[in-house]
Amino acid sequence: MSNDEAVRRAQRIVGMNIRSEREAQKITQKDLAQRCEISSVEMGLIECGERDITVATVLHIAEQLGVSVYILTRDT
């Protein structure tokens, strides 16, 4: 697997985990985006794995969801 493929895969995993946690908590994408001070469009791109996401952003989203970073980065 090339580095680019690995990055895309990691982005998809993080995005899927964010969406899963958000939906489990019955939070809308718009509400989570507002809590994280980003646009709902950007949150949608993050959840689809189509946006590069910084560690700081992952930390902030994890805090807003009340979960550990591990939950958002784990490959299940």
N, C-alpha and C. Protein backbone atom coordinates (compact mmCIF):
# COMPACT_ATOMS: atom_id res chain seq x y z
N MET A 1 0.86 -1.17 0.00
CA MET A 1 0.00 0.00 0.00
C MET A 1 0.90 1.24 0.00
N SER A 2 0.63 2.15 -0.90
CA SER A 2 1.42 3.38 -0.97
C SER A 2 1.04 4.31 0.18
N ASN A 3 1.87 5.31 0.41
CA ASN A 3 1.60 6.27 1.47
C ASN A 3 0.28 7.01 1.22
N ASP A 4 0.02 7.40 -0.04
CA ASP A 4 -1.23 8.09 -0.36
C ASP A 4 -2.44 7.21 -0.07
N GLU A 5 -2.34 5.94 -0.39
CA GLU A 5 -3.45 5.01 -0.13
C GLU A 5 -3.66 4.85 1.37
N ALA A 6 -2.57 4.79 2.12
CA ALA A 6 -2.67 4.65 3.57
C ALA A 6 -3.33 5.88 4.20
N VAL A 7 -2.98 7.06 3.69
CA VAL A 7 -3.59 8.29 4.21
C VAL A 7 -5.08 8.31 3.90
N ARG A 8 -5.45 7.98 2.68
CA ARG A 8 -6.88 7.96 2.32
C ARG A 8 -7.65 6.95 3.16
N ARG A 9 -7.05 5.80 3.40
CA ARG A 9 -7.69 4.77 4.22
C ARG A 9 -7.89 5.29 5.64
N ALA A 10 -6.86 5.92 6.20
CA ALA A 10 -6.96 6.47 7.56
C ALA A 10 -8.04 7.55 7.63
N GLN A 11 -8.12 8.40 6.61
CA GLN A 11 -9.15 9.43 6.58
C GLN A 11 -10.54 8.82 6.57
N ARG A 12 -10.72 7.76 5.79
CA ARG A 12 -12.03 7.08 5.74
C ARG A 12 -12.38 6.47 7.09
N ILE A 13 -11.41 5.84 7.74
CA ILE A 13 -11.64 5.21 9.04
C ILE A 13 -12.05 6.25 10.07
N VAL A 14 -11.31 7.35 10.15
CA VAL A 14 -11.63 8.41 11.11
C VAL A 14 -13.03 8.97 10.81
N GLY A 15 -13.29 9.23 9.55
CA GLY A 15 -14.60 9.77 9.17
C GLY A 15 -15.74 8.84 9.54
N MET A 16 -15.58 7.56 9.25
CA MET A 16 -16.63 6.59 9.59
C MET A 16 -16.84 6.52 11.10
N ASN A 17 -15.76 6.59 11.87
CA ASN A 17 -15.87 6.53 13.32
C ASN A 17 -16.53 7.78 13.89
N ILE A 18 -16.22 8.94 13.31
CA ILE A 18 -16.88 10.17 13.75
C ILE A 18 -18.38 10.07 13.49
N ARG A 19 -18.74 9.66 12.29
CA ARG A 19 -20.16 9.54 11.95
C ARG A 19 -20.86 8.53 12.88
N SER A 20 -20.23 7.40 13.10
CA SER A 20 -20.81 6.37 13.95
C SER A 20 -21.06 6.90 15.36
N GLU A 21 -20.08 7.56 15.94
CA GLU A 21 -20.23 8.11 17.28
C GLU A 21 -21.29 9.21 17.31
N ARG A 22 -21.28 10.06 16.31
CA ARG A 22 -22.26 11.15 16.25
C ARG A 22 -23.68 10.59 16.17
N GLU A 23 -23.87 9.62 15.30
CA GLU A 23 -25.21 9.04 15.15
C GLU A 23 -25.63 8.27 16.40
N ALA A 24 -24.70 7.59 17.04
CA ALA A 24 -25.02 6.85 18.27
C ALA A 24 -25.50 7.81 19.37
N GLN A 25 -24.98 9.03 19.34
CA GLN A 25 -25.36 10.02 20.33
C GLN A 25 -26.53 10.90 19.86
N LYS A 26 -27.05 10.57 18.68
CA LYS A 26 -28.19 11.29 18.11
C LYS A 26 -27.92 12.80 17.97
N ILE A 27 -26.70 13.09 17.50
CA ILE A 27 -26.29 14.47 17.24
C ILE A 27 -26.32 14.67 15.73
N THR A 28 -26.87 15.77 15.29
CA THR A 28 -26.87 16.03 13.85
C THR A 28 -25.47 16.48 13.42
N GLN A 29 -25.22 16.29 12.14
CA GLN A 29 -23.95 16.73 11.58
C GLN A 29 -23.78 18.23 11.77
N LYS A 30 -24.86 18.96 11.57
CA LYS A 30 -24.83 20.41 11.73
C LYS A 30 -24.49 20.80 13.16
N ASP A 31 -25.10 20.14 14.13
CA ASP A 31 -24.83 20.45 15.54
C ASP A 31 -23.38 20.15 15.91
N LEU A 32 -22.86 19.02 15.46
CA LEU A 32 -21.46 18.70 15.77
C LEU A 32 -20.53 19.70 15.11
N ALA A 33 -20.82 20.08 13.89
CA ALA A 33 -20.00 21.07 13.19
C ALA A 33 -19.98 22.38 13.97
N GLN A 34 -21.15 22.81 14.44
CA GLN A 34 -21.21 24.05 15.22
C GLN A 34 -20.39 23.94 16.50
N ARG A 35 -20.49 22.82 17.17
CA ARG A 35 -19.71 22.61 18.40
C ARG A 35 -18.21 22.68 18.12
N CYS A 36 -17.82 22.20 16.94
CA CYS A 36 -16.41 22.14 16.57
C CYS A 36 -15.94 23.40 15.85
N GLU A 37 -16.88 24.33 15.64
CA GLU A 37 -16.58 25.60 14.97
C GLU A 37 -16.04 25.41 13.56
N ILE A 38 -16.67 24.47 12.84
CA ILE A 38 -16.38 24.27 11.42
C ILE A 38 -17.71 24.22 10.68
N SER A 39 -17.66 24.34 9.37
CA SER A 39 -18.91 24.32 8.60
C SER A 39 -19.46 22.90 8.53
N SER A 40 -20.75 22.81 8.32
CA SER A 40 -21.36 21.49 8.17
C SER A 40 -20.87 20.81 6.89
N VAL A 41 -20.53 21.60 5.88
CA VAL A 41 -19.96 21.04 4.65
C VAL A 41 -18.62 20.37 4.95
N GLU A 42 -17.78 21.06 5.72
CA GLU A 42 -16.48 20.47 6.08
C GLU A 42 -16.66 19.21 6.91
N MET A 43 -17.60 19.24 7.86
CA MET A 43 -17.85 18.05 8.68
C MET A 43 -18.29 16.90 7.79
N GLY A 44 -19.12 17.19 6.80
CA GLY A 44 -19.55 16.15 5.87
C GLY A 44 -18.38 15.56 5.10
N LEU A 45 -17.47 16.42 4.67
CA LEU A 45 -16.28 15.94 3.95
C LEU A 45 -15.38 15.11 4.86
N ILE A 46 -15.26 15.52 6.11
CA ILE A 46 -14.46 14.75 7.07
C ILE A 46 -15.09 13.38 7.26
N GLU A 47 -16.40 13.33 7.46
CA GLU A 47 -17.07 12.05 7.69
C GLU A 47 -17.00 11.14 6.47
N CYS A 48 -16.90 11.71 5.30
CA CYS A 48 -16.77 10.90 4.07
C CYS A 48 -15.32 10.53 3.78
N GLY A 49 -14.40 11.02 4.60
CA GLY A 49 -12.98 10.72 4.39
C GLY A 49 -12.38 11.48 3.23
N GLU A 50 -12.99 12.59 2.86
CA GLU A 50 -12.53 13.37 1.71
C GLU A 50 -11.79 14.64 2.10
N ARG A 51 -11.52 14.82 3.38
CA ARG A 51 -10.84 16.03 3.85
C ARG A 51 -9.65 15.62 4.71
N ASP A 52 -8.50 16.24 4.44
CA ASP A 52 -7.36 16.06 5.33
C ASP A 52 -7.76 16.62 6.68
N ILE A 53 -7.43 15.92 7.73
CA ILE A 53 -7.83 16.34 9.07
C ILE A 53 -6.60 16.34 9.97
N THR A 54 -6.42 17.41 10.70
CA THR A 54 -5.26 17.51 11.58
C THR A 54 -5.52 16.77 12.89
N VAL A 55 -4.45 16.49 13.59
CA VAL A 55 -4.57 15.86 14.90
C VAL A 55 -5.36 16.78 15.83
N ALA A 56 -5.13 18.08 15.73
CA ALA A 56 -5.85 19.03 16.57
C ALA A 56 -7.35 18.95 16.31
N THR A 57 -7.74 18.80 15.06
CA THR A 57 -9.17 18.70 14.73
C THR A 57 -9.75 17.40 15.27
N VAL A 58 -9.02 16.30 15.14
CA VAL A 58 -9.48 15.02 15.70
C VAL A 58 -9.66 15.15 17.21
N LEU A 59 -8.70 15.78 17.87
CA LEU A 59 -8.80 15.98 19.32
C LEU A 59 -10.04 16.80 19.68
N HIS A 60 -10.28 17.86 18.94
CA HIS A 60 -11.42 18.72 19.21
C HIS A 60 -12.74 17.99 18.99
N ILE A 61 -12.84 17.24 17.91
CA ILE A 61 -14.06 16.47 17.64
C ILE A 61 -14.27 15.43 18.73
N ALA A 62 -13.19 14.75 19.13
CA ALA A 62 -13.30 13.75 20.21
C ALA A 62 -13.82 14.40 21.49
N GLU A 63 -13.28 15.57 21.82
CA GLU A 63 -13.74 16.27 23.02
C GLU A 63 -15.22 16.61 22.93
N GLN A 64 -15.64 17.09 21.77
CA GLN A 64 -17.04 17.48 21.60
C GLN A 64 -17.98 16.27 21.65
N LEU A 65 -17.48 15.12 21.25
CA LEU A 65 -18.28 13.89 21.32
C LEU A 65 -18.15 13.20 22.68
N GLY A 66 -17.18 13.62 23.48
CA GLY A 66 -16.97 13.01 24.79
C GLY A 66 -16.36 11.62 24.71
N VAL A 67 -15.51 11.41 23.69
CA VAL A 67 -14.86 10.12 23.52
C VAL A 67 -13.35 10.33 23.41
N SER A 68 -12.61 9.25 23.52
CA SER A 68 -11.15 9.34 23.36
C SER A 68 -10.79 9.37 21.88
N VAL A 69 -9.62 9.88 21.60
CA VAL A 69 -9.12 9.89 20.22
C VAL A 69 -9.03 8.47 19.69
N TYR A 70 -8.71 7.53 20.55
CA TYR A 70 -8.63 6.13 20.13
C TYR A 70 -9.93 5.67 19.47
N ILE A 71 -11.06 6.05 20.05
CA ILE A 71 -12.36 5.65 19.51
C ILE A 71 -12.51 6.13 18.06
N LEU A 72 -12.00 7.33 17.77
CA LEU A 72 -12.15 7.90 16.44
C LEU A 72 -11.11 7.39 15.45
N THR A 73 -10.01 6.83 15.96
CA THR A 73 -8.94 6.41 15.05
C THR A 73 -8.81 4.89 14.92
N ARG A 74 -9.56 4.17 15.71
CA ARG A 74 -9.40 2.71 15.68
C ARG A 74 -9.96 2.12 14.38
N ASP A 75 -9.32 1.06 13.96
CA ASP A 75 -9.73 0.34 12.76
C ASP A 75 -10.43 -0.93 13.20
N THR A 76 -11.74 -0.94 13.10
CA THR A 76 -12.50 -2.10 13.58
C THR A 76 -12.83 -3.06 12.47
